[in-house]
């Protein structure tokens, strides 16, 4: 069976330091834009080779269009999220994929959060959407792309809400703040993550030519090897 696919890429700049974005990431839910996220659970978390590896299980739901009701009901879908946090390169990469309804619509998504020269944080999101429904694959993939864009806007809005709430005086307007403390190891970041978890828009950005080239290479790899990415991001056990 030949399975066709569609891809989409978006960029968002958060006016906060990379450290703030990483810490706030684990506290994104709930927020006013995340009513479709029902549950989130951390399954595994460990520091390996100086990097923080995490795996979480989320339950989400989205309204189903009328034409989609013939294929599936509006029931929650489980999402598995693997992530790798590199405090040396100051990159935070997440890879999510749906566990249910994969024959109808399979969505693999990679988001890379990286520190920019002006102190802000760039988030590059890429989605790889496929469907095995004969005769409706194109319509389902088109719907998936539009849903990905809409959810991306909601996610950015909700994330900014959380950032403003957690760091009301840390927004970067024009220049990076020299007083911002950056953790020197994944262990410190893991500690900050646990502490903040227990205690509790988007704009287009022209990145450098080097970043674009690296992103293109990573995207092509992702497109050709989507089925293997889960293994690259998986944690032991």
C-alpha atoms as a PDB file:
ATOM      1  CA  UNK A   1       0.000   0.000   0.000  1.00  0.00           C
ATOM      2  CA  UNK A   2       1.321   3.431  -0.948  1.00  0.00           C
ATOM      3  CA  UNK A   3       0.711   5.957   1.811  1.00  0.00           C
ATOM      4  CA  UNK A   4       0.894   9.583   0.700  1.00  0.00           C
ATOM      5  CA  UNK A   5       1.745  12.335   3.123  1.00  0.00           C
ATOM      6  CA  UNK A   6       1.677  16.100   3.651  1.00  0.00           C
ATOM      7  CA  UNK A   7       4.120  18.292   5.523  1.00  0.00           C
ATOM      8  CA  UNK A   8       3.969  21.678   7.219  1.00  0.00           C
ATOM      9  CA  UNK A   9       6.494  23.954   8.921  1.00  0.00           C
ATOM     10  CA  UNK A  10       5.945  26.984  11.155  1.00  0.00           C
ATOM     11  CA  UNK A  11       8.162  29.258  13.237  1.00  0.00           C
ATOM     12  CA  UNK A  12       7.374  31.144  16.441  1.00  0.00           C
ATOM     13  CA  UNK A  13       9.501  33.537  18.474  1.00  0.00           C
ATOM     14  CA  UNK A  14       8.949  33.739  22.222  1.00  0.00           C
ATOM     15  CA  UNK A  15      10.129  36.967  23.848  1.00  0.00           C
ATOM     16  CA  UNK A  16      11.656  35.076  26.760  1.00  0.00           C
ATOM     17  CA  UNK A  17      14.987  33.436  27.418  1.00  0.00           C
ATOM     18  CA  UNK A  18      15.536  29.820  26.458  1.00  0.00           C
ATOM     19  CA  UNK A  19      15.807  28.895  30.143  1.00  0.00           C
ATOM     20  CA  UNK A  20      12.438  30.475  30.915  1.00  0.00           C
ATOM     21  CA  UNK A  21      10.810  28.721  27.962  1.00  0.00           C
ATOM     22  CA  UNK A  22      12.182  25.332  28.983  1.00  0.00           C
ATOM     23  CA  UNK A  23      11.036  25.687  32.592  1.00  0.00           C
ATOM     24  CA  UNK A  24       7.601  26.950  31.527  1.00  0.00           C
ATOM     25  CA  UNK A  25       7.180  24.110  29.018  1.00  0.00           C
ATOM     26  CA  UNK A  26       6.439  21.605  31.789  1.00  0.00           C
ATOM     27  CA  UNK A  27       3.763  23.937  33.151  1.00  0.00           C
ATOM     28  CA  UNK A  28       1.903  24.736  29.915  1.00  0.00           C
ATOM     29  CA  UNK A  29      -1.319  23.042  31.008  1.00  0.00           C
ATOM     30  CA  UNK A  30      -3.865  24.118  31.885  1.00  0.00           C
ATOM     31  CA  UNK A  31      -4.150  27.454  30.079  1.00  0.00           C
ATOM     32  CA  UNK A  32      -7.044  29.292  28.356  1.00  0.00           C
ATOM     33  CA  UNK A  33      -6.054  27.887  24.943  1.00  0.00           C
ATOM     34  CA  UNK A  34      -5.672  24.244  25.954  1.00  0.00           C
ATOM     35  CA  UNK A  35      -9.200  23.043  26.658  1.00  0.00           C
ATOM     36  CA  UNK A  36      -8.574  20.191  24.210  1.00  0.00           C
ATOM     37  CA  UNK A  37      -5.806  18.792  26.450  1.00  0.00           C
ATOM     38  CA  UNK A  38      -7.458  16.510  28.970  1.00  0.00           C
ATOM     39  CA  UNK A  39      -4.582  14.829  30.818  1.00  0.00           C
ATOM     40  CA  UNK A  40      -0.776  14.745  30.916  1.00  0.00           C
ATOM     41  CA  UNK A  41       1.436  12.257  32.731  1.00  0.00           C
ATOM     42  CA  UNK A  42       5.221  11.952  32.930  1.00  0.00           C
ATOM     43  CA  UNK A  43       6.178   8.325  32.347  1.00  0.00           C
ATOM     44  CA  UNK A  44       9.976   8.484  32.453  1.00  0.00           C
ATOM     45  CA  UNK A  45      12.654  11.104  33.051  1.00  0.00           C
ATOM     46  CA  UNK A  46      16.404  10.671  33.288  1.00  0.00           C
ATOM     47  CA  UNK A  47      19.704  12.461  32.715  1.00  0.00           C
ATOM     48  CA  UNK A  48      21.902  10.661  30.212  1.00  0.00           C
ATOM     49  CA  UNK A  49      25.157  11.916  28.655  1.00  0.00           C
ATOM     50  CA  UNK A  50      24.506  15.355  30.106  1.00  0.00           C
ATOM     51  CA  UNK A  51      21.057  15.601  28.499  1.00  0.00           C
ATOM     52  CA  UNK A  52      17.611  15.383  30.049  1.00  0.00           C
ATOM     53  CA  UNK A  53      15.378  12.742  28.424  1.00  0.00           C
ATOM     54  CA  UNK A  54      11.656  12.697  29.166  1.00  0.00           C
ATOM     55  CA  UNK A  55       8.626  10.775  27.991  1.00  0.00           C
ATOM     56  CA  UNK A  56       5.062  11.905  28.629  1.00  0.00           C
ATOM     57  CA  UNK A  57       1.616  10.620  27.755  1.00  0.00           C
ATOM     58  CA  UNK A  58      -1.114  13.146  26.926  1.00  0.00           C
ATOM     59  CA  UNK A  59      -4.791  12.774  26.174  1.00  0.00           C
ATOM     60  CA  UNK A  60      -6.301  15.254  23.718  1.00  0.00           C
ATOM     61  CA  UNK A  61      -9.539  15.777  21.853  1.00  0.00           C
ATOM     62  CA  UNK A  62     -10.535  17.996  18.941  1.00  0.00           C
ATOM     63  CA  UNK A  63     -13.898  18.697  17.277  1.00  0.00           C
ATOM     64  CA  UNK A  64     -14.515  16.412  14.310  1.00  0.00           C
ATOM     65  CA  UNK A  65     -15.875  17.961  11.078  1.00  0.00           C
ATOM     66  CA  UNK A  66     -19.171  16.582   9.788  1.00  0.00           C
ATOM     67  CA  UNK A  67     -17.519  14.665   6.966  1.00  0.00           C
ATOM     68  CA  UNK A  68     -15.129  13.075   9.486  1.00  0.00           C
ATOM     69  CA  UNK A  69     -17.874  11.649  11.687  1.00  0.00           C
ATOM     70  CA  UNK A  70     -18.226   8.705   9.303  1.00  0.00           C
ATOM     71  CA  UNK A  71     -14.668   7.610  10.133  1.00  0.00           C
ATOM     72  CA  UNK A  72     -14.396   8.177  13.890  1.00  0.00           C
ATOM     73  CA  UNK A  73     -16.155   9.758  16.829  1.00  0.00           C
ATOM     74  CA  UNK A  74     -14.859  12.726  18.798  1.00  0.00           C
ATOM     75  CA  UNK A  75     -13.117  10.601  21.418  1.00  0.00           C
ATOM     76  CA  UNK A  76      -9.860  11.412  23.245  1.00  0.00           C
ATOM     77  CA  UNK A  77      -6.676  10.335  21.496  1.00  0.00           C
ATOM     78  CA  UNK A  78      -3.519   9.361  23.354  1.00  0.00           C
ATOM     79  CA  UNK A  79      -0.364  11.242  22.381  1.00  0.00           C
ATOM     80  CA  UNK A  80       3.144  10.134  23.334  1.00  0.00           C
ATOM     81  CA  UNK A  81       5.780  12.856  23.653  1.00  0.00           C
ATOM     82  CA  UNK A  82       9.525  12.224  23.813  1.00  0.00           C
ATOM     83  CA  UNK A  83      11.889  15.105  24.462  1.00  0.00           C
ATOM     84  CA  UNK A  84      15.619  15.773  24.679  1.00  0.00           C
ATOM     85  CA  UNK A  85      17.011  18.806  26.480  1.00  0.00           C
ATOM     86  CA  UNK A  86      20.614  19.772  25.703  1.00  0.00           C
ATOM     87  CA  UNK A  87      21.853  22.472  28.152  1.00  0.00           C
ATOM     88  CA  UNK A  88      25.189  22.842  26.349  1.00  0.00           C
ATOM     89  CA  UNK A  89      23.805  23.592  22.890  1.00  0.00           C
ATOM     90  CA  UNK A  90      20.737  25.215  24.477  1.00  0.00           C
ATOM     91  CA  UNK A  91      18.272  23.237  22.408  1.00  0.00           C
ATOM     92  CA  UNK A  92      15.094  21.511  23.527  1.00  0.00           C
ATOM     93  CA  UNK A  93      13.592  19.053  21.046  1.00  0.00           C
ATOM     94  CA  UNK A  94      10.207  17.361  21.358  1.00  0.00           C
ATOM     95  CA  UNK A  95       8.762  14.617  19.179  1.00  0.00           C
ATOM     96  CA  UNK A  96       5.055  13.731  19.450  1.00  0.00           C
ATOM     97  CA  UNK A  97       2.928  11.134  17.697  1.00  0.00           C
ATOM     98  CA  UNK A  98      -0.613   9.853  18.110  1.00  0.00           C
ATOM     99  CA  UNK A  99      -1.143   6.302  19.345  1.00  0.00           C
ATOM    100  CA  UNK A 100      -4.732   5.907  18.184  1.00  0.00           C
ATOM    101  CA  UNK A 101      -6.497   6.524  14.863  1.00  0.00           C
ATOM    102  CA  UNK A 102      -3.192   6.147  12.991  1.00  0.00           C
ATOM    103  CA  UNK A 103      -4.742   4.538   9.914  1.00  0.00           C
ATOM    104  CA  UNK A 104      -7.170   7.431   9.610  1.00  0.00           C
ATOM    105  CA  UNK A 105      -4.634  10.185  10.268  1.00  0.00           C
ATOM    106  CA  UNK A 106      -1.110   9.795  11.622  1.00  0.00           C
ATOM    107  CA  UNK A 107       0.619  12.954  12.807  1.00  0.00           C
ATOM    108  CA  UNK A 108       4.340  13.068  13.654  1.00  0.00           C
ATOM    109  CA  UNK A 109       5.505  16.423  14.955  1.00  0.00           C
ATOM    110  CA  UNK A 110       8.941  17.759  15.864  1.00  0.00           C
ATOM    111  CA  UNK A 111       9.479  21.063  17.675  1.00  0.00           C
ATOM    112  CA  UNK A 112      12.943  22.508  18.290  1.00  0.00           C
ATOM    113  CA  UNK A 113      13.337  25.352  20.788  1.00  0.00           C
ATOM    114  CA  UNK A 114      16.672  27.141  20.422  1.00  0.00           C
ATOM    115  CA  UNK A 115      18.304  30.225  21.894  1.00  0.00           C
ATOM    116  CA  UNK A 116      18.714  33.210  19.576  1.00  0.00           C
ATOM    117  CA  UNK A 117      21.426  35.884  19.536  1.00  0.00           C
ATOM    118  CA  UNK A 118      19.004  38.504  20.875  1.00  0.00           C
ATOM    119  CA  UNK A 119      18.227  36.333  23.907  1.00  0.00           C
ATOM    120  CA  UNK A 120      14.799  35.262  22.690  1.00  0.00           C
ATOM    121  CA  UNK A 121      13.717  31.704  21.862  1.00  0.00           C
ATOM    122  CA  UNK A 122      12.851  30.362  18.422  1.00  0.00           C
ATOM    123  CA  UNK A 123      10.470  27.420  18.108  1.00  0.00           C
ATOM    124  CA  UNK A 124      10.464  25.595  14.759  1.00  0.00           C
ATOM    125  CA  UNK A 125       7.548  23.176  14.357  1.00  0.00           C
ATOM    126  CA  UNK A 126       7.347  20.525  11.636  1.00  0.00           C
ATOM    127  CA  UNK A 127       4.503  18.095  11.033  1.00  0.00           C
ATOM    128  CA  UNK A 128       4.374  14.986   8.842  1.00  0.00           C
ATOM    129  CA  UNK A 129       0.752  13.916   8.237  1.00  0.00           C
ATOM    130  CA  UNK A 130      -0.382  10.736   6.497  1.00  0.00           C
ATOM    131  CA  UNK A 131      -3.617   8.818   5.998  1.00  0.00           C
ATOM    132  CA  UNK A 132      -4.527   5.345   4.771  1.00  0.00           C
ATOM    133  CA  UNK A 133      -8.221   6.016   4.117  1.00  0.00           C
ATOM    134  CA  UNK A 134      -8.722   5.131   0.464  1.00  0.00           C
ATOM    135  CA  UNK A 135     -10.451   7.877  -1.497  1.00  0.00           C
ATOM    136  CA  UNK A 136     -10.340  10.388   1.368  1.00  0.00           C
ATOM    137  CA  UNK A 137      -6.616  10.572   2.065  1.00  0.00           C
ATOM    138  CA  UNK A 138      -6.140  13.974   0.426  1.00  0.00           C
ATOM    139  CA  UNK A 139      -9.085  15.560   2.258  1.00  0.00           C
ATOM    140  CA  UNK A 140      -7.958  14.127   5.582  1.00  0.00           C
ATOM    141  CA  UNK A 141      -4.384  15.303   5.085  1.00  0.00           C
ATOM    142  CA  UNK A 142      -5.588  18.798   4.111  1.00  0.00           C
ATOM    143  CA  UNK A 143      -7.740  18.847   7.226  1.00  0.00           C
ATOM    144  CA  UNK A 144      -4.741  17.706   9.285  1.00  0.00           C
ATOM    145  CA  UNK A 145      -2.561  20.523   7.956  1.00  0.00           C
ATOM    146  CA  UNK A 146      -5.190  23.168   8.766  1.00  0.00           C
ATOM    147  CA  UNK A 147      -5.729  21.647  12.209  1.00  0.00           C
ATOM    148  CA  UNK A 148      -1.959  21.642  12.786  1.00  0.00           C
ATOM    149  CA  UNK A 149      -1.752  25.356  11.932  1.00  0.00           C
ATOM    150  CA  UNK A 150      -4.761  26.243  14.106  1.00  0.00           C
ATOM    151  CA  UNK A 151      -3.504  24.210  17.036  1.00  0.00           C
ATOM    152  CA  UNK A 152      -0.044  25.730  16.603  1.00  0.00           C
ATOM    153  CA  UNK A 153      -1.490  29.226  16.981  1.00  0.00           C
ATOM    154  CA  UNK A 154      -3.462  28.143  20.047  1.00  0.00           C
ATOM    155  CA  UNK A 155      -0.413  26.456  21.539  1.00  0.00           C
ATOM    156  CA  UNK A 156       1.712  29.585  21.082  1.00  0.00           C
ATOM    157  CA  UNK A 157      -0.988  31.784  22.591  1.00  0.00           C
ATOM    158  CA  UNK A 158      -1.417  29.455  25.556  1.00  0.00           C
ATOM    159  CA  UNK A 159       2.348  29.134  26.041  1.00  0.00           C
ATOM    160  CA  UNK A 160       2.761  32.920  26.060  1.00  0.00           C
ATOM    161  CA  UNK A 161      -0.004  33.107  28.681  1.00  0.00           C
ATOM    162  CA  UNK A 162       1.934  30.699  30.895  1.00  0.00           C
ATOM    163  CA  UNK A 163       5.221  32.562  30.320  1.00  0.00           C
ATOM    164  CA  UNK A 164       3.654  35.887  31.316  1.00  0.00           C
ATOM    165  CA  UNK A 165       2.192  34.301  34.427  1.00  0.00           C
ATOM    166  CA  UNK A 166       5.412  32.580  35.502  1.00  0.00           C
ATOM    167  CA  UNK A 167       7.888  35.295  34.479  1.00  0.00           C
ATOM    168  CA  UNK A 168       6.007  38.635  34.576  1.00  0.00           C
ATOM    169  CA  UNK A 169       9.217  40.699  34.596  1.00  0.00           C
ATOM    170  CA  UNK A 170      11.411  38.627  32.287  1.00  0.00           C
ATOM    171  CA  UNK A 171      10.034  39.450  28.844  1.00  0.00           C
ATOM    172  CA  UNK A 172      12.772  40.502  26.435  1.00  0.00           C
ATOM    173  CA  UNK A 173      11.803  43.602  24.480  1.00  0.00           C
ATOM    174  CA  UNK A 174      14.930  44.532  22.576  1.00  0.00           C
ATOM    175  CA  UNK A 175      18.005  43.204  24.329  1.00  0.00           C
ATOM    176  CA  UNK A 176      18.765  40.070  26.321  1.00  0.00           C
ATOM    177  CA  UNK A 177      18.807  40.503  30.074  1.00  0.00           C
ATOM    178  CA  UNK A 178      22.320  39.834  31.461  1.00  0.00           C
ATOM    179  CA  UNK A 179      20.893  38.864  34.839  1.00  0.00           C
ATOM    180  CA  UNK A 180      19.112  35.778  33.497  1.00  0.00           C
ATOM    181  CA  UNK A 181      20.587  32.669  35.117  1.00  0.00           C
ATOM    182  CA  UNK A 182      21.193  29.696  32.825  1.00  0.00           C
ATOM    183  CA  UNK A 183      21.549  26.236  34.339  1.00  0.00           C
ATOM    184  CA  UNK A 184      24.905  24.677  33.536  1.00  0.00           C
ATOM    185  CA  UNK A 185      23.745  21.078  33.399  1.00  0.00           C
ATOM    186  CA  UNK A 186      20.783  18.895  32.597  1.00  0.00           C
ATOM    187  CA  UNK A 187      20.607  17.937  36.288  1.00  0.00           C
ATOM    188  CA  UNK A 188      20.031  21.557  37.280  1.00  0.00           C
ATOM    189  CA  UNK A 189      17.359  21.911  34.607  1.00  0.00           C
ATOM    190  CA  UNK A 190      15.703  18.722  35.797  1.00  0.00           C
ATOM    191  CA  UNK A 191      15.665  20.136  39.319  1.00  0.00           C
ATOM    192  CA  UNK A 192      14.106  23.373  38.090  1.00  0.00           C
ATOM    193  CA  UNK A 193      11.522  21.379  36.177  1.00  0.00           C
ATOM    194  CA  UNK A 194      10.477  19.362  39.231  1.00  0.00           C
ATOM    195  CA  UNK A 195      10.355  22.477  41.428  1.00  0.00           C
ATOM    196  CA  UNK A 196       8.202  24.526  39.083  1.00  0.00           C
ATOM    197  CA  UNK A 197       5.904  21.611  38.302  1.00  0.00           C
ATOM    198  CA  UNK A 198       5.173  20.979  41.942  1.00  0.00           C
ATOM    199  CA  UNK A 199       4.501  24.697  42.660  1.00  0.00           C
ATOM    200  CA  UNK A 200       2.048  25.120  40.313  1.00  0.00           C
ATOM    201  CA  UNK A 201       1.789  36.305  19.441  1.00  0.00           C
ATOM    202  CA  UNK A 202       3.672  34.188  17.613  1.00  0.00           C
ATOM    203  CA  UNK A 203       5.634  36.113  14.905  1.00  0.00           C
ATOM    204  CA  UNK A 204       7.594  35.029  11.846  1.00  0.00           C
ATOM    205  CA  UNK A 205      11.354  35.040  12.395  1.00  0.00           C
ATOM    206  CA  UNK A 206      14.043  35.088   9.720  1.00  0.00           C
ATOM    207  CA  UNK A 207      16.763  32.802  11.062  1.00  0.00           C
ATOM    208  CA  UNK A 208      20.332  32.732   9.837  1.00  0.00           C
ATOM    209  CA  UNK A 209      21.392  30.840   6.739  1.00  0.00           C
ATOM    210  CA  UNK A 210      23.173  28.258   8.863  1.00  0.00           C
ATOM    211  CA  UNK A 211      20.061  27.559  10.914  1.00  0.00           C
ATOM    212  CA  UNK A 212      17.918  27.257   7.784  1.00  0.00           C
ATOM    213  CA  UNK A 213      20.372  24.828   6.206  1.00  0.00           C
ATOM    214  CA  UNK A 214      20.486  22.703   9.331  1.00  0.00           C
ATOM    215  CA  UNK A 215      16.714  22.792   9.606  1.00  0.00           C
ATOM    216  CA  UNK A 216      16.328  21.709   5.982  1.00  0.00           C
ATOM    217  CA  UNK A 217      18.665  18.764   6.468  1.00  0.00           C
ATOM    218  CA  UNK A 218      16.864  17.751   9.661  1.00  0.00           C
ATOM    219  CA  UNK A 219      13.509  18.080   7.946  1.00  0.00           C
ATOM    220  CA  UNK A 220      14.511  15.875   5.024  1.00  0.00           C
ATOM    221  CA  UNK A 221      15.800  13.266   7.436  1.00  0.00           C
ATOM    222  CA  UNK A 222      12.559  13.443   9.380  1.00  0.00           C
ATOM    223  CA  UNK A 223      10.503  13.112   6.205  1.00  0.00           C
ATOM    224  CA  UNK A 224      12.370  10.019   5.067  1.00  0.00           C
ATOM    225  CA  UNK A 225      12.797   8.365   8.438  1.00  0.00           C
ATOM    226  CA  UNK A 226       9.685   9.298  10.409  1.00  0.00           C
ATOM    227  CA  UNK A 227       9.098   5.678  11.371  1.00  0.00           C
ATOM    228  CA  UNK A 228      12.524   5.525  13.062  1.00  0.00           C
ATOM    229  CA  UNK A 229      12.462   8.837  14.927  1.00  0.00           C
ATOM    230  CA  UNK A 230      10.673   7.377  17.926  1.00  0.00           C
ATOM    231  CA  UNK A 231      13.634   5.070  18.511  1.00  0.00           C
ATOM    232  CA  UNK A 232      16.083   7.982  18.332  1.00  0.00           C
ATOM    233  CA  UNK A 233      14.176   9.908  20.973  1.00  0.00           C
ATOM    234  CA  UNK A 234      13.166   6.967  23.180  1.00  0.00           C
ATOM    235  CA  UNK A 235      14.489   6.616  26.709  1.00  0.00           C
ATOM    236  CA  UNK A 236      15.760   3.373  28.090  1.00  0.00           C
ATOM    237  CA  UNK A 237      13.298   0.954  29.680  1.00  0.00           C
END
